[in-house]
C-alpha atoms as a PDB file:
ATOM      1  CA  MET A   1     -23.405 -12.261 -12.142  1.00  0.00           C
ATOM      2  CA  SER A   2     -21.441 -11.900 -15.387  1.00  0.00           C
ATOM      3  CA  ARG A   3     -17.774 -12.671 -15.338  1.00  0.00           C
ATOM      4  CA  ALA A   4     -15.413 -10.055 -16.182  1.00  0.00           C
ATOM      5  CA  TYR A   5     -11.689 -10.527 -16.866  1.00  0.00           C
ATOM      6  CA  ARG A   6      -9.374  -8.615 -14.564  1.00  0.00           C
ATOM      7  CA  SER A   7      -5.636  -8.315 -14.753  1.00  0.00           C
ATOM      8  CA  LYS A   8      -3.490  -8.582 -11.609  1.00  0.00           C
ATOM      9  CA  ALA A   9      -3.191  -4.729 -11.530  1.00  0.00           C
ATOM     10  CA  GLN A  10      -7.054  -4.358 -11.843  1.00  0.00           C
ATOM     11  CA  TRP A  11      -7.406  -6.878  -8.962  1.00  0.00           C
ATOM     12  CA  GLN A  12      -4.899  -5.107  -6.721  1.00  0.00           C
ATOM     13  CA  ALA A  13      -6.617  -1.748  -7.410  1.00  0.00           C
ATOM     14  CA  LEU A  14      -9.974  -3.322  -6.392  1.00  0.00           C
ATOM     15  CA  ILE A  15      -8.538  -4.894  -3.155  1.00  0.00           C
ATOM     16  CA  ASP A  16      -6.936  -1.456  -2.350  1.00  0.00           C
ATOM     17  CA  GLU A  17     -10.285   0.364  -2.861  1.00  0.00           C
ATOM     18  CA  PHE A  18     -11.951  -2.368  -0.627  1.00  0.00           C
ATOM     19  CA  GLU A  19      -9.316  -1.944   2.250  1.00  0.00           C
ATOM     20  CA  GLN A  20      -9.873   1.931   2.029  1.00  0.00           C
ATOM     21  CA  SER A  21     -13.745   1.781   1.734  1.00  0.00           C
ATOM     22  CA  GLY A  22     -14.587   0.458   5.324  1.00  0.00           C
ATOM     23  CA  LEU A  23     -17.138  -1.594   3.847  1.00  0.00           C
ATOM     24  CA  SER A  24     -17.659  -5.390   4.554  1.00  0.00           C
ATOM     25  CA  ARG A  25     -16.309  -7.774   1.991  1.00  0.00           C
ATOM     26  CA  LYS A  26     -19.846  -8.848   1.308  1.00  0.00           C
ATOM     27  CA  ALA A  27     -21.337  -5.158   0.774  1.00  0.00           C
ATOM     28  CA  PHE A  28     -18.179  -4.042  -1.260  1.00  0.00           C
ATOM     29  CA  CYS A  29     -18.493  -7.227  -3.587  1.00  0.00           C
ATOM     30  CA  GLU A  30     -22.259  -6.716  -3.867  1.00  0.00           C
ATOM     31  CA  VAL A  31     -22.059  -3.080  -5.168  1.00  0.00           C
ATOM     32  CA  ARG A  32     -19.570  -4.380  -7.793  1.00  0.00           C
ATOM     33  CA  GLY A  33     -21.133  -7.561  -8.803  1.00  0.00           C
ATOM     34  CA  ILE A  34     -18.124  -9.694  -7.629  1.00  0.00           C
ATOM     35  CA  ASN A  35     -18.525 -13.137  -6.018  1.00  0.00           C
ATOM     36  CA  PRO A  36     -17.283 -12.496  -2.326  1.00  0.00           C
ATOM     37  CA  ASP A  37     -15.637 -15.820  -2.130  1.00  0.00           C
ATOM     38  CA  TYR A  38     -13.750 -15.396  -5.457  1.00  0.00           C
ATOM     39  CA  PHE A  39     -12.737 -11.881  -4.313  1.00  0.00           C
ATOM     40  CA  SER A  40     -11.229 -13.451  -1.020  1.00  0.00           C
ATOM     41  CA  GLN A  41      -9.614 -16.036  -3.122  1.00  0.00           C
ATOM     42  CA  ARG A  42      -7.955 -13.496  -5.553  1.00  0.00           C
ATOM     43  CA  ARG A  43      -7.014 -11.274  -2.401  1.00  0.00           C
ATOM     44  CA  ARG A  44      -5.121 -14.168  -0.714  1.00  0.00           C
ATOM     45  CA  GLN A  45      -3.388 -15.054  -3.874  1.00  0.00           C
ATOM     46  CA  LEU A  46      -2.108 -11.468  -4.500  1.00  0.00           C
ATOM     47  CA  GLN A  47      -1.142 -11.155  -0.744  1.00  0.00           C
ATOM     48  CA  GLN A  48       0.899 -14.452  -0.993  1.00  0.00           C
ATOM     49  CA  GLU A  49       2.631 -13.286  -4.181  1.00  0.00           C
ATOM     50  CA  THR A  50       3.541  -9.810  -2.734  1.00  0.00           C
ATOM     51  CA  GLU A  51       4.739 -11.501   0.629  1.00  0.00           C
ATOM     52  CA  GLY A  52       6.992 -13.847  -1.212  1.00  0.00           C
ATOM     53  CA  THR A  53       8.991 -11.133  -2.997  1.00  0.00           C
ATOM     54  CA  GLY A  54      10.493  -9.507   0.017  1.00  0.00           C
ATOM     55  CA  PHE A  55       9.071  -6.151  -1.002  1.00  0.00           C
ATOM     56  CA  ALA A  56       6.596  -4.102   0.928  1.00  0.00           C
ATOM     57  CA  ARG A  57       3.673  -2.170  -0.984  1.00  0.00           C
ATOM     58  CA  VAL A  58       4.009   1.563  -0.556  1.00  0.00           C
ATOM     59  CA  ALA A  59       1.125   4.001  -1.428  1.00  0.00           C
ATOM     60  CA  ALA A  60       1.214   7.797  -1.260  1.00  0.00           C
ATOM     61  CA  GLU A  61      -1.963   9.250   0.061  1.00  0.00           C
ATOM     62  CA  SER A  62      -3.291  12.767   0.155  1.00  0.00           C
ATOM     63  CA  SER A  63      -6.560  14.058   1.507  1.00  0.00           C
ATOM     64  CA  PRO A  64      -8.065  17.591   2.235  1.00  0.00           C
ATOM     65  CA  ALA A  65      -8.006  16.767   6.008  1.00  0.00           C
ATOM     66  CA  SER A  66      -4.495  15.844   6.227  1.00  0.00           C
ATOM     67  CA  THR A  67      -0.977  16.330   4.633  1.00  0.00           C
ATOM     68  CA  ALA A  68       0.448  14.004   2.129  1.00  0.00           C
ATOM     69  CA  ALA A  69       1.591  10.730   3.769  1.00  0.00           C
ATOM     70  CA  MET A  70       3.415   7.556   2.702  1.00  0.00           C
ATOM     71  CA  GLN A  71       1.777   4.428   3.774  1.00  0.00           C
ATOM     72  CA  VAL A  72       3.943   1.149   4.084  1.00  0.00           C
ATOM     73  CA  ARG A  73       2.124  -2.166   4.642  1.00  0.00           C
ATOM     74  CA  VAL A  74       3.731  -5.432   5.205  1.00  0.00           C
ATOM     75  CA  GLY A  75       1.115  -8.130   6.110  1.00  0.00           C
ATOM     76  CA  ASP A  76      -1.082  -6.710   8.749  1.00  0.00           C
ATOM     77  CA  ALA A  77       1.370  -4.099   9.869  1.00  0.00           C
ATOM     78  CA  GLN A  78       0.912  -0.592   8.628  1.00  0.00           C
ATOM     79  CA  LEU A  79       3.351   2.373   9.082  1.00  0.00           C
ATOM     80  CA  VAL A  80       2.306   5.857   7.969  1.00  0.00           C
ATOM     81  CA  LEU A  81       5.091   8.465   7.288  1.00  0.00           C
ATOM     82  CA  PRO A  82       4.854  12.121   6.144  1.00  0.00           C
ATOM     83  CA  MET A  83       6.147  12.530   2.633  1.00  0.00           C
ATOM     84  CA  SER A  84       8.933  14.744   3.884  1.00  0.00           C
ATOM     85  CA  VAL A  85      10.740  11.698   5.195  1.00  0.00           C
ATOM     86  CA  SER A  86      13.948  10.894   3.388  1.00  0.00           C
ATOM     87  CA  PRO A  87      13.764   7.956   0.905  1.00  0.00           C
ATOM     88  CA  ARG A  88      17.228   6.865   2.384  1.00  0.00           C
ATOM     89  CA  TRP A  89      15.773   6.990   5.881  1.00  0.00           C
ATOM     90  CA  VAL A  90      12.937   4.770   4.917  1.00  0.00           C
ATOM     91  CA  ALA A  91      15.322   2.415   3.224  1.00  0.00           C
ATOM     92  CA  GLU A  92      17.565   2.287   6.453  1.00  0.00           C
ATOM     93  CA  LEU A  93      14.239   1.654   8.418  1.00  0.00           C
ATOM     94  CA  VAL A  94      13.029  -1.284   6.280  1.00  0.00           C
ATOM     95  CA  LYS A  95      16.687  -2.820   6.279  1.00  0.00           C
ATOM     96  CA  ALA A  96      16.864  -2.565  10.039  1.00  0.00           C
ATOM     97  CA  LEU A  97      13.401  -4.022  10.461  1.00  0.00           C
ATOM     98  CA  SER A  98      14.261  -6.927   8.227  1.00  0.00           C
ATOM     99  CA  VAL A  99      17.098  -8.308  10.217  1.00  0.00           C
END
């Protein structure tokens, strides 16, 4: 396997793709020519960095089978909300949950 330099943003994009793929870590890495152990190491590092900031990752999703949705992930917890939800409401929810 040849080594390719990837920025944090590129690693995060790969990790997001992996999480949405439904593939095993080994299968995902094999297709992309990535060492599975190194992939796990980078994934852990980025998760620790994200968890330490006090911010949650939010992603907007849209697929033909469903309406647009906002996905909020914090650690292993995941919350999917319609895009019609007010940003103020989401902020109040996050504030209430962080107490």
